[in-house]
Each structure stands twice: as structure tokens, then as C-alpha cells.
Amino acid sequence: ATPSDVVRLRTYVVDHRPEKLGIIVPEIAKFYGEVDPAPNTLVGVAALALPDFLIEIEATAAIS
């Protein structure tokens, strides 16, 4: 799959605050490059699987 195949993102962020968007959004834009990004739902969470994890991105792609 490529970035153009991604139809949905769900981004989990530990202790989300609005200022974290300034870090997250540019990184997601780099992944997509020239492709229009898929819809993204940002979910603030207390913790992820391991203590060092601060962000987790779940992507759904549709390929033929």
C-alpha cells in the first residue's frame, strides 16, 4: 500500500494538548507528500502499550 491507498487514520496521543498538533500535523503531511491526506481522527489517551510510546497511528488502506 502507498499513502494514496490510505482511506482513514486514527491517531492516539498521550496527554494530548492543542500545541502537540504543531508536531503531529507536519509529520503526517510528510508521510502523504503530494497526496491529499485521508480523514484523521485524533484521540487523546492516558497511555499506550509501553510507557515510552507517546503516539500511535492506526491506518486503514483500500487496495485492489
PDB file of N, CA and C in Angstrom:
ATOM      1  N   ALA A   1       0.843  -1.191   0.000  1.00  0.00           N
ATOM      2  CA  ALA A   1       0.000   0.000   0.000  1.00  0.00           C
ATOM      3  C   ALA A   1       0.883   1.247   0.000  1.00  0.00           C
ATOM      4  N   THR A   2       0.338   2.319  -0.529  1.00  0.00           N
ATOM      5  CA  THR A   2       1.029   3.605  -0.566  1.00  0.00           C
ATOM      6  C   THR A   2       0.163   4.644   0.158  1.00  0.00           C
ATOM      7  N   PRO A   3       0.700   5.837   0.407  1.00  0.00           N
ATOM      8  CA  PRO A   3      -0.114   6.863   1.062  1.00  0.00           C
ATOM      9  C   PRO A   3      -1.436   7.145   0.340  1.00  0.00           C
ATOM     10  N   SER A   4      -1.461   7.018  -0.977  1.00  0.00           N
ATOM     11  CA  SER A   4      -2.709   7.292  -1.702  1.00  0.00           C
ATOM     12  C   SER A   4      -3.770   6.218  -1.460  1.00  0.00           C
ATOM     13  N   ASP A   5      -3.372   5.052  -0.935  1.00  0.00           N
ATOM     14  CA  ASP A   5      -4.318   3.979  -0.625  1.00  0.00           C
ATOM     15  C   ASP A   5      -4.958   4.130   0.756  1.00  0.00           C
ATOM     16  N   VAL A   6      -4.414   4.995   1.584  1.00  0.00           N
ATOM     17  CA  VAL A   6      -4.931   5.168   2.948  1.00  0.00           C
ATOM     18  C   VAL A   6      -6.270   5.903   2.883  1.00  0.00           C
ATOM     19  N   VAL A   7      -7.274   5.304   3.495  1.00  0.00           N
ATOM     20  CA  VAL A   7      -8.616   5.903   3.475  1.00  0.00           C
ATOM     21  C   VAL A   7      -9.033   6.465   4.831  1.00  0.00           C
ATOM     22  N   ARG A   8      -8.277   6.104   5.891  1.00  0.00           N
ATOM     23  CA  ARG A   8      -8.612   6.615   7.222  1.00  0.00           C
ATOM     24  C   ARG A   8      -7.410   6.474   8.141  1.00  0.00           C
ATOM     25  N   LEU A   9      -7.201   7.492   8.971  1.00  0.00           N
ATOM     26  CA  LEU A   9      -6.199   7.434  10.037  1.00  0.00           C
ATOM     27  C   LEU A   9      -6.898   7.639  11.367  1.00  0.00           C
ATOM     28  N   ARG A  10      -6.353   7.008  12.381  1.00  0.00           N
ATOM     29  CA  ARG A  10      -6.763   7.287  13.757  1.00  0.00           C
ATOM     30  C   ARG A  10      -5.459   7.467  14.518  1.00  0.00           C
ATOM     31  N   THR A  11      -5.271   8.639  15.108  1.00  0.00           N
ATOM     32  CA  THR A  11      -4.033   8.972  15.798  1.00  0.00           C
ATOM     33  C   THR A  11      -4.303   9.068  17.295  1.00  0.00           C
ATOM     34  N   TYR A  12      -3.610   8.242  18.058  1.00  0.00           N
ATOM     35  CA  TYR A  12      -3.735   8.238  19.519  1.00  0.00           C
ATOM     36  C   TYR A  12      -2.549   9.005  20.088  1.00  0.00           C
ATOM     37  N   VAL A  13      -2.828   9.985  20.948  1.00  0.00           N
ATOM     38  CA  VAL A  13      -1.779  10.839  21.504  1.00  0.00           C
ATOM     39  C   VAL A  13      -1.893  10.845  23.029  1.00  0.00           C
ATOM     40  N   VAL A  14      -0.795  10.513  23.700  1.00  0.00           N
ATOM     41  CA  VAL A  14      -0.767  10.520  25.161  1.00  0.00           C
ATOM     42  C   VAL A  14      -0.794  11.964  25.654  1.00  0.00           C
ATOM     43  N   ASP A  15      -1.664  12.233  26.617  1.00  0.00           N
ATOM     44  CA  ASP A  15      -1.783  13.571  27.222  1.00  0.00           C
ATOM     45  C   ASP A  15      -1.896  14.662  26.163  1.00  0.00           C
ATOM     46  N   HIS A  16      -2.823  14.500  25.254  1.00  0.00           N
ATOM     47  CA  HIS A  16      -2.973  15.450  24.144  1.00  0.00           C
ATOM     48  C   HIS A  16      -3.256  16.863  24.643  1.00  0.00           C
ATOM     49  N   ARG A  17      -2.564  17.791  24.007  1.00  0.00           N
ATOM     50  CA  ARG A  17      -2.789  19.222  24.189  1.00  0.00           C
ATOM     51  C   ARG A  17      -2.745  19.850  22.801  1.00  0.00           C
ATOM     52  N   PRO A  18      -3.472  20.925  22.562  1.00  0.00           N
ATOM     53  CA  PRO A  18      -3.514  21.528  21.225  1.00  0.00           C
ATOM     54  C   PRO A  18      -2.133  21.849  20.645  1.00  0.00           C
ATOM     55  N   GLU A  19      -1.191  22.228  21.475  1.00  0.00           N
ATOM     56  CA  GLU A  19       0.138  22.579  20.950  1.00  0.00           C
ATOM     57  C   GLU A  19       0.869  21.375  20.355  1.00  0.00           C
ATOM     58  N   LYS A  20       0.457  20.172  20.692  1.00  0.00           N
ATOM     59  CA  LYS A  20       1.082  18.979  20.100  1.00  0.00           C
ATOM     60  C   LYS A  20       0.751  18.848  18.616  1.00  0.00           C
ATOM     61  N   LEU A  21      -0.325  19.490  18.177  1.00  0.00           N
ATOM     62  CA  LEU A  21      -0.672  19.442  16.758  1.00  0.00           C
ATOM     63  C   LEU A  21       0.430  20.035  15.892  1.00  0.00           C
ATOM     64  N   GLY A  22       1.165  21.001  16.425  1.00  0.00           N
ATOM     65  CA  GLY A  22       2.268  21.614  15.691  1.00  0.00           C
ATOM     66  C   GLY A  22       3.390  20.639  15.387  1.00  0.00           C
ATOM     67  N   ILE A  23       3.446  19.547  16.113  1.00  0.00           N
ATOM     68  CA  ILE A  23       4.438  18.496  15.876  1.00  0.00           C
ATOM     69  C   ILE A  23       3.834  17.389  15.014  1.00  0.00           C
ATOM     70  N   ILE A  24       2.615  17.006  15.312  1.00  0.00           N
ATOM     71  CA  ILE A  24       1.980  15.859  14.662  1.00  0.00           C
ATOM     72  C   ILE A  24       1.609  16.150  13.209  1.00  0.00           C
ATOM     73  N   VAL A  25       0.945  17.263  12.960  1.00  0.00           N
ATOM     74  CA  VAL A  25       0.424  17.562  11.625  1.00  0.00           C
ATOM     75  C   VAL A  25       1.527  17.616  10.565  1.00  0.00           C
ATOM     76  N   PRO A  26       2.658  18.298  10.797  1.00  0.00           N
ATOM     77  CA  PRO A  26       3.709  18.310   9.774  1.00  0.00           C
ATOM     78  C   PRO A  26       4.278  16.919   9.474  1.00  0.00           C
ATOM     79  N   GLU A  27       4.361  16.058  10.473  1.00  0.00           N
ATOM     80  CA  GLU A  27       4.883  14.706  10.245  1.00  0.00           C
ATOM     81  C   GLU A  27       3.919  13.882   9.394  1.00  0.00           C
ATOM     82  N   ILE A  28       2.641  14.023   9.648  1.00  0.00           N
ATOM     83  CA  ILE A  28       1.654  13.320   8.824  1.00  0.00           C
ATOM     84  C   ILE A  28       1.692  13.868   7.399  1.00  0.00           C
ATOM     85  N   ALA A  29       1.840  15.168   7.253  1.00  0.00           N
ATOM     86  CA  ALA A  29       1.935  15.775   5.919  1.00  0.00           C
ATOM     87  C   ALA A  29       3.149  15.245   5.162  1.00  0.00           C
ATOM     88  N   LYS A  30       4.270  15.035   5.855  1.00  0.00           N
ATOM     89  CA  LYS A  30       5.462  14.469   5.204  1.00  0.00           C
ATOM     90  C   LYS A  30       5.181  13.075   4.673  1.00  0.00           C
ATOM     91  N   PHE A  31       4.440  12.275   5.432  1.00  0.00           N
ATOM     92  CA  PHE A  31       4.095  10.923   5.001  1.00  0.00           C
ATOM     93  C   PHE A  31       3.308  10.968   3.691  1.00  0.00           C
ATOM     94  N   TYR A  32       2.345  11.879   3.601  1.00  0.00           N
ATOM     95  CA  TYR A  32       1.489  11.951   2.420  1.00  0.00           C
ATOM     96  C   TYR A  32       2.164  12.617   1.230  1.00  0.00           C
ATOM     97  N   GLY A  33       3.087  13.523   1.464  1.00  0.00           N
ATOM     98  CA  GLY A  33       3.725  14.228   0.350  1.00  0.00           C
ATOM     99  C   GLY A  33       2.697  15.026  -0.430  1.00  0.00           C
ATOM    100  N   GLU A  34       2.608  14.760  -1.731  1.00  0.00           N
ATOM    101  CA  GLU A  34       1.697  15.497  -2.612  1.00  0.00           C
ATOM    102  C   GLU A  34       0.276  14.930  -2.615  1.00  0.00           C
ATOM    103  N   VAL A  35       0.062  13.806  -1.947  1.00  0.00           N
ATOM    104  CA  VAL A  35      -1.252  13.152  -1.925  1.00  0.00           C
ATOM    105  C   VAL A  35      -2.149  13.830  -0.887  1.00  0.00           C
ATOM    106  N   ASP A  36      -3.426  14.013  -1.218  1.00  0.00           N
ATOM    107  CA  ASP A  36      -4.375  14.552  -0.234  1.00  0.00           C
ATOM    108  C   ASP A  36      -4.484  13.578   0.934  1.00  0.00           C
ATOM    109  N   PRO A  37      -4.370  14.060   2.168  1.00  0.00           N
ATOM    110  CA  PRO A  37      -4.438  13.158   3.324  1.00  0.00           C
ATOM    111  C   PRO A  37      -5.841  12.596   3.540  1.00  0.00           C
ATOM    112  N   ALA A  38      -5.881  11.404   4.094  1.00  0.00           N
ATOM    113  CA  ALA A  38      -7.148  10.771   4.456  1.00  0.00           C
ATOM    114  C   ALA A  38      -7.708  11.450   5.708  1.00  0.00           C
ATOM    115  N   PRO A  39      -8.996  11.289   5.964  1.00  0.00           N
ATOM    116  CA  PRO A  39      -9.558  11.796   7.219  1.00  0.00           C
ATOM    117  C   PRO A  39      -8.808  11.199   8.413  1.00  0.00           C
ATOM    118  N   ASN A  40      -8.594  12.025   9.423  1.00  0.00           N
ATOM    119  CA  ASN A  40      -7.818  11.612  10.590  1.00  0.00           C
ATOM    120  C   ASN A  40      -8.595  11.968  11.854  1.00  0.00           C
ATOM    121  N   THR A  41      -8.802  10.989  12.700  1.00  0.00           N
ATOM    122  CA  THR A  41      -9.419  11.224  14.000  1.00  0.00           C
ATOM    123  C   THR A  41      -8.318  11.203  15.048  1.00  0.00           C
ATOM    124  N   LEU A  42      -8.179  12.280  15.805  1.00  0.00           N
ATOM    125  CA  LEU A  42      -7.177  12.352  16.859  1.00  0.00           C
ATOM    126  C   LEU A  42      -7.849  12.024  18.184  1.00  0.00           C
ATOM    127  N   VAL A  43      -7.259  11.068  18.902  1.00  0.00           N
ATOM    128  CA  VAL A  43      -7.834  10.612  20.164  1.00  0.00           C
ATOM    129  C   VAL A  43      -6.807  10.807  21.276  1.00  0.00           C
ATOM    130  N   GLY A  44      -7.137  11.602  22.270  1.00  0.00           N
ATOM    131  CA  GLY A  44      -6.270  11.752  23.435  1.00  0.00           C
ATOM    132  C   GLY A  44      -6.436  10.557  24.363  1.00  0.00           C
ATOM    133  N   VAL A  45      -5.315   9.996  24.813  1.00  0.00           N
ATOM    134  CA  VAL A  45      -5.352   8.824  25.694  1.00  0.00           C
ATOM    135  C   VAL A  45      -4.428   9.044  26.891  1.00  0.00           C
ATOM    136  N   ALA A  46      -4.658   8.302  27.955  1.00  0.00           N
ATOM    137  CA  ALA A  46      -3.814   8.398  29.149  1.00  0.00           C
ATOM    138  C   ALA A  46      -2.479   7.696  28.946  1.00  0.00           C
ATOM    139  N   ALA A  47      -2.474   6.591  28.206  1.00  0.00           N
ATOM    140  CA  ALA A  47      -1.247   5.819  27.998  1.00  0.00           C
ATOM    141  C   ALA A  47      -1.430   4.919  26.788  1.00  0.00           C
ATOM    142  N   LEU A  48      -0.298   4.419  26.274  1.00  0.00           N
ATOM    143  CA  LEU A  48      -0.310   3.434  25.196  1.00  0.00           C
ATOM    144  C   LEU A  48       0.317   2.145  25.717  1.00  0.00           C
ATOM    145  N   ALA A  49       0.641   1.212  24.842  1.00  0.00           N
ATOM    146  CA  ALA A  49       1.092  -0.124  25.253  1.00  0.00           C
ATOM    147  C   ALA A  49       2.345  -0.110  26.119  1.00  0.00           C
ATOM    148  N   LEU A  50       3.286   0.763  25.812  1.00  0.00           N
ATOM    149  CA  LEU A  50       4.526   0.868  26.589  1.00  0.00           C
ATOM    150  C   LEU A  50       4.697   2.300  27.071  1.00  0.00           C
ATOM    151  N   PRO A  51       5.325   2.500  28.213  1.00  0.00           N
ATOM    152  CA  PRO A  51       5.460   3.851  28.774  1.00  0.00           C
ATOM    153  C   PRO A  51       6.181   4.846  27.858  1.00  0.00           C
ATOM    154  N   ASP A  52       7.105   4.369  27.020  1.00  0.00           N
ATOM    155  CA  ASP A  52       7.846   5.272  26.132  1.00  0.00           C
ATOM    156  C   ASP A  52       7.058   5.670  24.886  1.00  0.00           C
ATOM    157  N   PHE A  53       5.952   5.009  24.614  1.00  0.00           N
ATOM    158  CA  PHE A  53       5.141   5.338  23.442  1.00  0.00           C
ATOM    159  C   PHE A  53       4.332   6.598  23.734  1.00  0.00           C
ATOM    160  N   LEU A  54       4.447   7.598  22.866  1.00  0.00           N
ATOM    161  CA  LEU A  54       3.714   8.848  23.041  1.00  0.00           C
ATOM    162  C   LEU A  54       2.641   9.043  21.981  1.00  0.00           C
ATOM    163  N   ILE A  55       2.784   8.345  20.847  1.00  0.00           N
ATOM    164  CA  ILE A  55       1.827   8.474  19.753  1.00  0.00           C
ATOM    165  C   ILE A  55       1.703   7.125  19.059  1.00  0.00           C
ATOM    166  N   GLU A  56       0.509   6.834  18.597  1.00  0.00           N
ATOM    167  CA  GLU A  56       0.262   5.614  17.819  1.00  0.00           C
ATOM    168  C   GLU A  56      -0.679   5.992  16.691  1.00  0.00           C
ATOM    169  N   ILE A  57      -0.349   5.547  15.483  1.00  0.00           N
ATOM    170  CA  ILE A  57      -1.181   5.862  14.325  1.00  0.00           C
ATOM    171  C   ILE A  57      -1.705   4.570  13.726  1.00  0.00           C
ATOM    172  N   GLU A  58      -3.013   4.494  13.619  1.00  0.00           N
ATOM    173  CA  GLU A  58      -3.690   3.347  13.008  1.00  0.00           C
ATOM    174  C   GLU A  58      -4.176   3.793  11.632  1.00  0.00           C
ATOM    175  N   ALA A  59      -3.786   3.074  10.593  1.00  0.00           N
ATOM    176  CA  ALA A  59      -4.177   3.428   9.233  1.00  0.00           C
ATOM    177  C   ALA A  59      -4.982   2.300   8.608  1.00  0.00           C
ATOM    178  N   THR A  60      -5.989   2.681   7.844  1.00  0.00           N
ATOM    179  CA  THR A  60      -6.770   1.734   7.066  1.00  0.00           C
ATOM    180  C   THR A  60      -6.553   2.072   5.599  1.00  0.00           C
ATOM    181  N   ALA A  61      -6.147   1.073   4.822  1.00  0.00           N
ATOM    182  CA  ALA A  61      -5.901   1.277   3.397  1.00  0.00           C
ATOM    183  C   ALA A  61      -6.831   0.391   2.585  1.00  0.00           C
ATOM    184  N   ALA A  62      -7.191   0.863   1.413  1.00  0.00           N
ATOM    185  CA  ALA A  62      -8.004   0.089   0.475  1.00  0.00           C
ATOM    186  C   ALA A  62      -7.175  -0.119  -0.784  1.00  0.00           C
ATOM    187  N   ILE A  63      -6.867  -1.370  -1.065  1.00  0.00           N
ATOM    188  CA  ILE A  63      -6.087  -1.682  -2.262  1.00  0.00           C
ATOM    189  C   ILE A  63      -6.859  -2.680  -3.116  1.00  0.00           C
ATOM    190  N   SER A  64      -6.553  -2.657  -4.413  1.00  0.00           N
ATOM    191  CA  SER A  64      -7.254  -3.593  -5.298  1.00  0.00           C
ATOM    192  C   SER A  64      -6.288  -4.588  -5.903  1.00  0.00           C
TER     193      SER A  64
END
